[in-house]
């Protein structure tokens, strides 16, 4: 028997969602830090003043981006549940990373 017989590999969806979460978290953190840098620039003080605020805004931005992904996925799941109750197919693109694109086979 193989030593890897009981190893579970992540499905493509899990891997894709984890990457999307990491990218969104990093983008949110970068935006949070940018807010502090712009604020310091507008006030015409050194960019590195109060470095703890840079870190605080990074984590706030990262948390906000992470929560946004969770809320968006919950809303898509609720929409698909309502659609299935009405006998309709799931929302187009609800299983894709980029949700808003043309369906396959369409014009």
C-alpha atoms as a PDB file:
ATOM      1  CA  UNK A   1       0.000   0.000   0.000  1.00  0.00           C
ATOM      2  CA  UNK A   2       1.027   3.548  -0.630  1.00  0.00           C
ATOM      3  CA  UNK A   3       1.877   5.781   2.295  1.00  0.00           C
ATOM      4  CA  UNK A   4      -0.208   8.489   0.600  1.00  0.00           C
ATOM      5  CA  UNK A   5      -3.395   6.386   0.409  1.00  0.00           C
ATOM      6  CA  UNK A   6      -5.202   8.364   3.126  1.00  0.00           C
ATOM      7  CA  UNK A   7      -3.997  11.776   1.983  1.00  0.00           C
ATOM      8  CA  UNK A   8      -6.805  14.035   0.787  1.00  0.00           C
ATOM      9  CA  UNK A   9      -5.900  16.408  -1.990  1.00  0.00           C
ATOM     10  CA  UNK A  10      -7.716  19.745  -2.151  1.00  0.00           C
ATOM     11  CA  UNK A  11     -10.284  20.042  -4.885  1.00  0.00           C
ATOM     12  CA  UNK A  12      -9.637  22.678  -7.569  1.00  0.00           C
ATOM     13  CA  UNK A  13     -12.387  24.821  -6.035  1.00  0.00           C
ATOM     14  CA  UNK A  14     -10.751  24.791  -2.597  1.00  0.00           C
ATOM     15  CA  UNK A  15      -7.360  25.700  -4.047  1.00  0.00           C
ATOM     16  CA  UNK A  16      -8.879  28.472  -6.168  1.00  0.00           C
ATOM     17  CA  UNK A  17     -10.801  29.920  -3.203  1.00  0.00           C
ATOM     18  CA  UNK A  18      -7.725  29.840  -0.979  1.00  0.00           C
ATOM     19  CA  UNK A  19      -5.697  31.698  -3.619  1.00  0.00           C
ATOM     20  CA  UNK A  20      -8.477  34.209  -4.083  1.00  0.00           C
ATOM     21  CA  UNK A  21      -8.637  34.773  -0.319  1.00  0.00           C
ATOM     22  CA  UNK A  22      -4.895  35.308  -0.100  1.00  0.00           C
ATOM     23  CA  UNK A  23      -4.862  37.746  -3.016  1.00  0.00           C
ATOM     24  CA  UNK A  24      -7.845  39.694  -1.653  1.00  0.00           C
ATOM     25  CA  UNK A  25      -6.287  39.830   1.807  1.00  0.00           C
ATOM     26  CA  UNK A  26      -2.997  41.161   0.437  1.00  0.00           C
ATOM     27  CA  UNK A  27      -4.777  43.708  -1.773  1.00  0.00           C
ATOM     28  CA  UNK A  28      -6.909  44.847   1.167  1.00  0.00           C
ATOM     29  CA  UNK A  29      -3.845  45.176   3.359  1.00  0.00           C
ATOM     30  CA  UNK A  30      -2.024  47.159   0.696  1.00  0.00           C
ATOM     31  CA  UNK A  31      -4.993  49.472   0.315  1.00  0.00           C
ATOM     32  CA  UNK A  32      -5.151  49.951   4.075  1.00  0.00           C
ATOM     33  CA  UNK A  33      -1.488  50.891   4.235  1.00  0.00           C
ATOM     34  CA  UNK A  34      -1.952  53.191   1.234  1.00  0.00           C
ATOM     35  CA  UNK A  35      -4.692  55.041   3.091  1.00  0.00           C
ATOM     36  CA  UNK A  36      -2.261  55.843   5.886  1.00  0.00           C
ATOM     37  CA  UNK A  37       0.478  56.905   3.459  1.00  0.00           C
ATOM     38  CA  UNK A  38      -1.906  59.195   1.562  1.00  0.00           C
ATOM     39  CA  UNK A  39      -3.194  60.637   4.832  1.00  0.00           C
ATOM     40  CA  UNK A  40       0.363  61.449   5.901  1.00  0.00           C
ATOM     41  CA  UNK A  41       1.062  62.941   2.481  1.00  0.00           C
ATOM     42  CA  UNK A  42      -2.017  65.160   2.601  1.00  0.00           C
ATOM     43  CA  UNK A  43      -1.040  66.396   6.055  1.00  0.00           C
ATOM     44  CA  UNK A  44       2.499  67.036   4.705  1.00  0.00           C
ATOM     45  CA  UNK A  45       4.173  65.013   7.437  1.00  0.00           C
ATOM     46  CA  UNK A  46       6.781  62.284   6.881  1.00  0.00           C
ATOM     47  CA  UNK A  47       5.300  59.107   5.415  1.00  0.00           C
ATOM     48  CA  UNK A  48       6.844  57.003   8.170  1.00  0.00           C
ATOM     49  CA  UNK A  49       5.237  58.956  11.017  1.00  0.00           C
ATOM     50  CA  UNK A  50       3.270  56.722  13.418  1.00  0.00           C
ATOM     51  CA  UNK A  51       4.276  53.357  11.895  1.00  0.00           C
ATOM     52  CA  UNK A  52       1.832  51.456  14.136  1.00  0.00           C
ATOM     53  CA  UNK A  53      -0.979  53.052  12.119  1.00  0.00           C
ATOM     54  CA  UNK A  54       0.489  51.586   8.928  1.00  0.00           C
ATOM     55  CA  UNK A  55       0.301  48.133  10.489  1.00  0.00           C
ATOM     56  CA  UNK A  56      -3.164  48.768  11.939  1.00  0.00           C
ATOM     57  CA  UNK A  57      -4.576  49.919   8.607  1.00  0.00           C
ATOM     58  CA  UNK A  58      -2.919  46.978   6.836  1.00  0.00           C
ATOM     59  CA  UNK A  59      -4.706  44.522   9.109  1.00  0.00           C
ATOM     60  CA  UNK A  60      -8.002  46.427   8.924  1.00  0.00           C
ATOM     61  CA  UNK A  61      -7.828  46.420   5.121  1.00  0.00           C
ATOM     62  CA  UNK A  62      -6.930  42.727   5.041  1.00  0.00           C
ATOM     63  CA  UNK A  63      -9.797  41.872   7.410  1.00  0.00           C
ATOM     64  CA  UNK A  64     -12.250  43.953   5.368  1.00  0.00           C
ATOM     65  CA  UNK A  65     -11.253  42.248   2.120  1.00  0.00           C
ATOM     66  CA  UNK A  66     -11.498  38.806   3.727  1.00  0.00           C
ATOM     67  CA  UNK A  67     -14.970  39.534   5.126  1.00  0.00           C
ATOM     68  CA  UNK A  68     -16.074  40.924   1.746  1.00  0.00           C
ATOM     69  CA  UNK A  69     -15.275  37.582   0.104  1.00  0.00           C
ATOM     70  CA  UNK A  70     -17.232  35.717   2.765  1.00  0.00           C
ATOM     71  CA  UNK A  71     -20.264  38.007   2.425  1.00  0.00           C
ATOM     72  CA  UNK A  72     -20.201  37.795  -1.375  1.00  0.00           C
ATOM     73  CA  UNK A  73     -20.051  33.976  -1.291  1.00  0.00           C
ATOM     74  CA  UNK A  74     -22.885  33.830   1.251  1.00  0.00           C
ATOM     75  CA  UNK A  75     -25.039  36.061  -0.964  1.00  0.00           C
ATOM     76  CA  UNK A  76     -24.341  33.915  -4.040  1.00  0.00           C
ATOM     77  CA  UNK A  77     -25.230  30.780  -2.059  1.00  0.00           C
ATOM     78  CA  UNK A  78     -28.491  32.382  -0.881  1.00  0.00           C
ATOM     79  CA  UNK A  79     -29.364  33.473  -4.422  1.00  0.00           C
ATOM     80  CA  UNK A  80     -28.714  29.966  -5.736  1.00  0.00           C
ATOM     81  CA  UNK A  81     -30.835  28.494  -2.942  1.00  0.00           C
ATOM     82  CA  UNK A  82     -33.732  30.801  -3.826  1.00  0.00           C
ATOM     83  CA  UNK A  83     -33.294  29.945  -7.506  1.00  0.00           C
ATOM     84  CA  UNK A  84     -33.324  26.203  -6.758  1.00  0.00           C
ATOM     85  CA  UNK A  85     -36.514  26.623  -4.687  1.00  0.00           C
ATOM     86  CA  UNK A  86     -38.132  28.212  -7.748  1.00  0.00           C
ATOM     87  CA  UNK A  87     -36.880  25.417 -10.011  1.00  0.00           C
ATOM     88  CA  UNK A  88     -34.335  27.626 -11.767  1.00  0.00           C
ATOM     89  CA  UNK A  89     -30.692  26.717 -12.509  1.00  0.00           C
ATOM     90  CA  UNK A  90     -27.890  28.278 -10.428  1.00  0.00           C
ATOM     91  CA  UNK A  91     -26.722  31.779 -11.236  1.00  0.00           C
ATOM     92  CA  UNK A  92     -24.410  31.840 -14.257  1.00  0.00           C
ATOM     93  CA  UNK A  93     -20.765  31.813 -13.224  1.00  0.00           C
ATOM     94  CA  UNK A  94     -21.449  31.236  -9.529  1.00  0.00           C
ATOM     95  CA  UNK A  95     -18.779  28.518  -9.422  1.00  0.00           C
ATOM     96  CA  UNK A  96     -16.080  30.608 -11.088  1.00  0.00           C
ATOM     97  CA  UNK A  97     -13.444  32.895  -9.659  1.00  0.00           C
ATOM     98  CA  UNK A  98     -14.552  35.718 -11.948  1.00  0.00           C
ATOM     99  CA  UNK A  99     -18.301  35.570 -11.546  1.00  0.00           C
ATOM    100  CA  UNK A 100     -19.257  38.086 -14.207  1.00  0.00           C
ATOM    101  CA  UNK A 101     -18.371  36.619 -17.587  1.00  0.00           C
ATOM    102  CA  UNK A 102     -20.171  35.281 -20.645  1.00  0.00           C
ATOM    103  CA  UNK A 103     -21.529  31.729 -20.329  1.00  0.00           C
ATOM    104  CA  UNK A 104     -19.901  28.957 -22.319  1.00  0.00           C
ATOM    105  CA  UNK A 105     -21.511  28.330 -25.692  1.00  0.00           C
ATOM    106  CA  UNK A 106     -23.173  31.771 -25.683  1.00  0.00           C
ATOM    107  CA  UNK A 107     -22.606  34.659 -28.023  1.00  0.00           C
END
